[in-house]
Amino acid sequence: MTADTTATTAPAPAARPAQLIAAVALTVAEGTALVAWGGYIIVAALVESTRNQGLAEYGGAVILLMGLLPLLAARALLRLQRWGRTPAVLTHSLCLPVAYYMWQSSGPMPALGALVGLAGLAGLVVLLNPKVTKALYQQVD
């Protein structure tokens, strides 16, 4: 009484192209920067006396929550979930007007604005790369 034991192999996990890993790294960096900036604003509003302390704390909380979206999107991209690409592209797109207004400032802000702009452009390029599209939108049979 022998059973026919054929080894069933599970489908190989989809390969993550280097462009996707780069996009995830940039998205995590931007999300972490937003979370850190929001946390800084909240702590600064609690420690220092401001004219409108409630508004400063609220603004910090909003920025902190805005930073969580790219972090969740990066996690989804690592899991090859399609929905993660949209908030990541949105985050990288929002870097461009922020970089423009930083560029118009004085002091060290133009240099930081250039870095923010380059990060936004690089994130858009790698996220909209055909290899990333293929990895995220491949058909599962």
C-alpha atoms as a PDB file:
ATOM      1  CA  MET A   1       0.000   0.000   0.000  1.00  0.00           C
ATOM      2  CA  THR A   2       2.126   2.788  -1.266  1.00  0.00           C
ATOM      3  CA  ALA A   3       0.874   6.203  -1.931  1.00  0.00           C
ATOM      4  CA  ASP A   4       1.989   8.121  -4.938  1.00  0.00           C
ATOM      5  CA  THR A   5       4.040  10.852  -3.339  1.00  0.00           C
ATOM      6  CA  THR A   6       4.894  13.496  -5.806  1.00  0.00           C
ATOM      7  CA  ALA A   7       6.751  16.393  -4.423  1.00  0.00           C
ATOM      8  CA  THR A   8       4.798  19.529  -4.953  1.00  0.00           C
ATOM      9  CA  THR A   9       6.970  22.538  -5.070  1.00  0.00           C
ATOM     10  CA  ALA A  10       5.680  25.857  -3.996  1.00  0.00           C
ATOM     11  CA  PRO A  11       6.064  28.648  -6.496  1.00  0.00           C
ATOM     12  CA  ALA A  12       9.273  30.567  -6.010  1.00  0.00           C
ATOM     13  CA  PRO A  13       8.832  33.945  -4.372  1.00  0.00           C
ATOM     14  CA  ALA A  14       8.995  36.785  -6.804  1.00  0.00           C
ATOM     15  CA  ALA A  15      12.369  38.387  -7.061  1.00  0.00           C
ATOM     16  CA  ARG A  16      12.674  41.937  -5.854  1.00  0.00           C
ATOM     17  CA  PRO A  17      14.605  44.054  -8.347  1.00  0.00           C
ATOM     18  CA  ALA A  18      17.299  46.404  -7.092  1.00  0.00           C
ATOM     19  CA  GLN A  19      15.166  49.372  -8.146  1.00  0.00           C
ATOM     20  CA  LEU A  20      12.417  48.242  -5.781  1.00  0.00           C
ATOM     21  CA  ILE A  21      14.858  47.933  -2.898  1.00  0.00           C
ATOM     22  CA  ALA A  22      16.174  51.433  -3.682  1.00  0.00           C
ATOM     23  CA  ALA A  23      12.606  52.768  -3.751  1.00  0.00           C
ATOM     24  CA  VAL A  24      11.887  51.145  -0.400  1.00  0.00           C
ATOM     25  CA  ALA A  25      15.053  52.660   1.090  1.00  0.00           C
ATOM     26  CA  LEU A  26      14.174  56.152  -0.150  1.00  0.00           C
ATOM     27  CA  THR A  27      10.585  55.827   1.040  1.00  0.00           C
ATOM     28  CA  VAL A  28      11.736  54.673   4.488  1.00  0.00           C
ATOM     29  CA  ALA A  29      14.182  57.587   4.682  1.00  0.00           C
ATOM     30  CA  GLU A  30      11.470  60.114   3.839  1.00  0.00           C
ATOM     31  CA  GLY A  31       8.973  58.534   6.223  1.00  0.00           C
ATOM     32  CA  THR A  32      11.532  58.461   9.022  1.00  0.00           C
ATOM     33  CA  ALA A  33      12.401  62.108   8.407  1.00  0.00           C
ATOM     34  CA  LEU A  34       8.722  63.081   8.620  1.00  0.00           C
ATOM     35  CA  VAL A  35       8.194  61.086  11.817  1.00  0.00           C
ATOM     36  CA  ALA A  36      11.299  62.644  13.377  1.00  0.00           C
ATOM     37  CA  TRP A  37      10.263  66.166  12.340  1.00  0.00           C
ATOM     38  CA  GLY A  38       6.745  65.676  13.697  1.00  0.00           C
ATOM     39  CA  GLY A  39       8.101  64.309  16.973  1.00  0.00           C
ATOM     40  CA  TYR A  40      10.492  67.239  17.231  1.00  0.00           C
ATOM     41  CA  ILE A  41       7.669  69.744  16.747  1.00  0.00           C
ATOM     42  CA  ILE A  42       5.547  68.025  19.401  1.00  0.00           C
ATOM     43  CA  VAL A  43       8.384  67.941  21.942  1.00  0.00           C
ATOM     44  CA  ALA A  44       9.413  71.527  21.154  1.00  0.00           C
ATOM     45  CA  ALA A  45       5.829  72.691  21.653  1.00  0.00           C
ATOM     46  CA  LEU A  46       5.648  70.914  25.007  1.00  0.00           C
ATOM     47  CA  VAL A  47       9.020  72.186  26.247  1.00  0.00           C
ATOM     48  CA  GLU A  48       8.925  75.760  24.989  1.00  0.00           C
ATOM     49  CA  SER A  49       6.166  78.269  25.418  1.00  0.00           C
ATOM     50  CA  THR A  50       4.719  79.241  22.081  1.00  0.00           C
ATOM     51  CA  ARG A  51       2.031  81.723  21.228  1.00  0.00           C
ATOM     52  CA  ASN A  52      -0.318  79.001  20.039  1.00  0.00           C
ATOM     53  CA  GLN A  53       0.859  75.828  21.714  1.00  0.00           C
ATOM     54  CA  GLY A  54      -2.144  73.705  20.776  1.00  0.00           C
ATOM     55  CA  LEU A  55      -1.710  74.474  17.102  1.00  0.00           C
ATOM     56  CA  ALA A  56       1.989  73.583  17.226  1.00  0.00           C
ATOM     57  CA  GLU A  57       1.234  70.245  18.895  1.00  0.00           C
ATOM     58  CA  TYR A  58      -1.521  69.530  16.390  1.00  0.00           C
ATOM     59  CA  GLY A  59       0.770  70.348  13.465  1.00  0.00           C
ATOM     60  CA  GLY A  60       3.442  68.062  14.875  1.00  0.00           C
ATOM     61  CA  ALA A  61       0.921  65.246  15.266  1.00  0.00           C
ATOM     62  CA  VAL A  62      -0.262  65.689  11.672  1.00  0.00           C
ATOM     63  CA  ILE A  63       3.307  65.573  10.329  1.00  0.00           C
ATOM     64  CA  LEU A  64       4.056  62.533  12.478  1.00  0.00           C
ATOM     65  CA  LEU A  65       1.004  60.728  11.118  1.00  0.00           C
ATOM     66  CA  MET A  66       1.951  61.769   7.567  1.00  0.00           C
ATOM     67  CA  GLY A  67       5.282  60.056   8.148  1.00  0.00           C
ATOM     68  CA  LEU A  68       3.612  56.772   8.999  1.00  0.00           C
ATOM     69  CA  LEU A  69       2.049  56.457   5.535  1.00  0.00           C
ATOM     70  CA  PRO A  70       5.371  56.166   3.652  1.00  0.00           C
ATOM     71  CA  LEU A  71       6.609  53.662   6.231  1.00  0.00           C
ATOM     72  CA  LEU A  72       3.533  51.506   5.692  1.00  0.00           C
ATOM     73  CA  ALA A  73       3.917  51.910   1.933  1.00  0.00           C
ATOM     74  CA  ALA A  74       7.547  50.769   2.110  1.00  0.00           C
ATOM     75  CA  ARG A  75       6.481  47.682   4.060  1.00  0.00           C
ATOM     76  CA  ALA A  76       3.861  46.915   1.429  1.00  0.00           C
ATOM     77  CA  LEU A  77       6.391  47.359  -1.371  1.00  0.00           C
ATOM     78  CA  LEU A  78       8.742  44.905   0.319  1.00  0.00           C
ATOM     79  CA  ARG A  79       5.876  42.414   0.382  1.00  0.00           C
ATOM     80  CA  LEU A  80       5.234  43.145  -3.314  1.00  0.00           C
ATOM     81  CA  GLN A  81       1.781  44.537  -2.603  1.00  0.00           C
ATOM     82  CA  ARG A  82       0.615  46.872  -5.344  1.00  0.00           C
ATOM     83  CA  TRP A  83      -1.168  49.376  -3.136  1.00  0.00           C
ATOM     84  CA  GLY A  84       2.130  50.501  -1.583  1.00  0.00           C
ATOM     85  CA  ARG A  85       3.285  52.148  -4.775  1.00  0.00           C
ATOM     86  CA  THR A  86       0.620  54.875  -4.801  1.00  0.00           C
ATOM     87  CA  PRO A  87       1.410  56.437  -1.391  1.00  0.00           C
ATOM     88  CA  ALA A  88       5.134  56.089  -2.100  1.00  0.00           C
ATOM     89  CA  VAL A  89       4.779  57.953  -5.410  1.00  0.00           C
ATOM     90  CA  LEU A  90       2.665  60.584  -3.646  1.00  0.00           C
ATOM     91  CA  THR A  91       5.312  61.054  -0.966  1.00  0.00           C
ATOM     92  CA  HIS A  92       8.098  61.404  -3.520  1.00  0.00           C
ATOM     93  CA  SER A  93       5.979  63.820  -5.574  1.00  0.00           C
ATOM     94  CA  LEU A  94       5.371  66.013  -2.541  1.00  0.00           C
ATOM     95  CA  CYS A  95       9.130  66.340  -2.089  1.00  0.00           C
ATOM     96  CA  LEU A  96       9.355  68.428  -5.245  1.00  0.00           C
ATOM     97  CA  PRO A  97       7.332  71.497  -4.133  1.00  0.00           C
ATOM     98  CA  VAL A  98       8.903  71.277  -0.679  1.00  0.00           C
ATOM     99  CA  ALA A  99      12.347  71.317  -2.311  1.00  0.00           C
ATOM    100  CA  TYR A 100      11.352  74.319  -4.433  1.00  0.00           C
ATOM    101  CA  TYR A 101      10.326  76.372  -1.411  1.00  0.00           C
ATOM    102  CA  MET A 102      13.423  75.296   0.496  1.00  0.00           C
ATOM    103  CA  TRP A 103      15.514  76.394  -2.495  1.00  0.00           C
ATOM    104  CA  GLN A 104      13.950  79.880  -2.285  1.00  0.00           C
ATOM    105  CA  SER A 105      15.046  80.305   1.352  1.00  0.00           C
ATOM    106  CA  SER A 106      18.370  81.507   2.684  1.00  0.00           C
ATOM    107  CA  GLY A 107      21.077  79.914   4.780  1.00  0.00           C
ATOM    108  CA  PRO A 108      21.533  76.146   4.615  1.00  0.00           C
ATOM    109  CA  MET A 109      18.025  75.567   3.287  1.00  0.00           C
ATOM    110  CA  PRO A 110      18.896  75.652  -0.451  1.00  0.00           C
ATOM    111  CA  ALA A 111      21.376  72.799   0.032  1.00  0.00           C
ATOM    112  CA  LEU A 112      18.810  70.796   1.985  1.00  0.00           C
ATOM    113  CA  GLY A 113      16.211  71.627  -0.637  1.00  0.00           C
ATOM    114  CA  ALA A 114      18.478  70.240  -3.345  1.00  0.00           C
ATOM    115  CA  LEU A 115      18.831  67.001  -1.375  1.00  0.00           C
ATOM    116  CA  VAL A 116      15.078  66.754  -0.848  1.00  0.00           C
ATOM    117  CA  GLY A 117      14.451  67.392  -4.545  1.00  0.00           C
ATOM    118  CA  LEU A 118      17.002  64.790  -5.615  1.00  0.00           C
ATOM    119  CA  ALA A 119      15.518  62.245  -3.218  1.00  0.00           C
ATOM    120  CA  GLY A 120      12.038  62.915  -4.602  1.00  0.00           C
ATOM    121  CA  LEU A 121      13.176  62.621  -8.215  1.00  0.00           C
ATOM    122  CA  ALA A 122      15.202  59.473  -7.521  1.00  0.00           C
ATOM    123  CA  GLY A 123      12.236  57.909  -5.739  1.00  0.00           C
ATOM    124  CA  LEU A 124       9.935  58.633  -8.668  1.00  0.00           C
ATOM    125  CA  VAL A 125      12.424  57.248 -11.177  1.00  0.00           C
ATOM    126  CA  VAL A 126      12.921  53.967  -9.346  1.00  0.00           C
ATOM    127  CA  LEU A 127       9.240  53.511  -8.459  1.00  0.00           C
ATOM    128  CA  LEU A 128       8.084  54.059 -12.037  1.00  0.00           C
ATOM    129  CA  ASN A 129      10.781  51.795 -13.477  1.00  0.00           C
ATOM    130  CA  PRO A 130       9.419  48.987 -15.708  1.00  0.00           C
ATOM    131  CA  LYS A 131      11.168  46.335 -13.599  1.00  0.00           C
ATOM    132  CA  VAL A 132       9.350  47.527 -10.492  1.00  0.00           C
ATOM    133  CA  THR A 133       6.065  47.593 -12.386  1.00  0.00           C
ATOM    134  CA  LYS A 134       6.645  44.050 -13.580  1.00  0.00           C
ATOM    135  CA  ALA A 135       7.510  42.832 -10.075  1.00  0.00           C
ATOM    136  CA  LEU A 136       4.410  44.434  -8.549  1.00  0.00           C
ATOM    137  CA  TYR A 137       1.916  43.633 -11.288  1.00  0.00           C
ATOM    138  CA  GLN A 138       2.940  40.159 -12.400  1.00  0.00           C
ATOM    139  CA  GLN A 139       0.084  37.748 -12.889  1.00  0.00           C
ATOM    140  CA  VAL A 140      -0.222  34.897 -10.417  1.00  0.00           C
ATOM    141  CA  ASP A 141      -1.367  31.717 -12.171  1.00  0.00           C
END
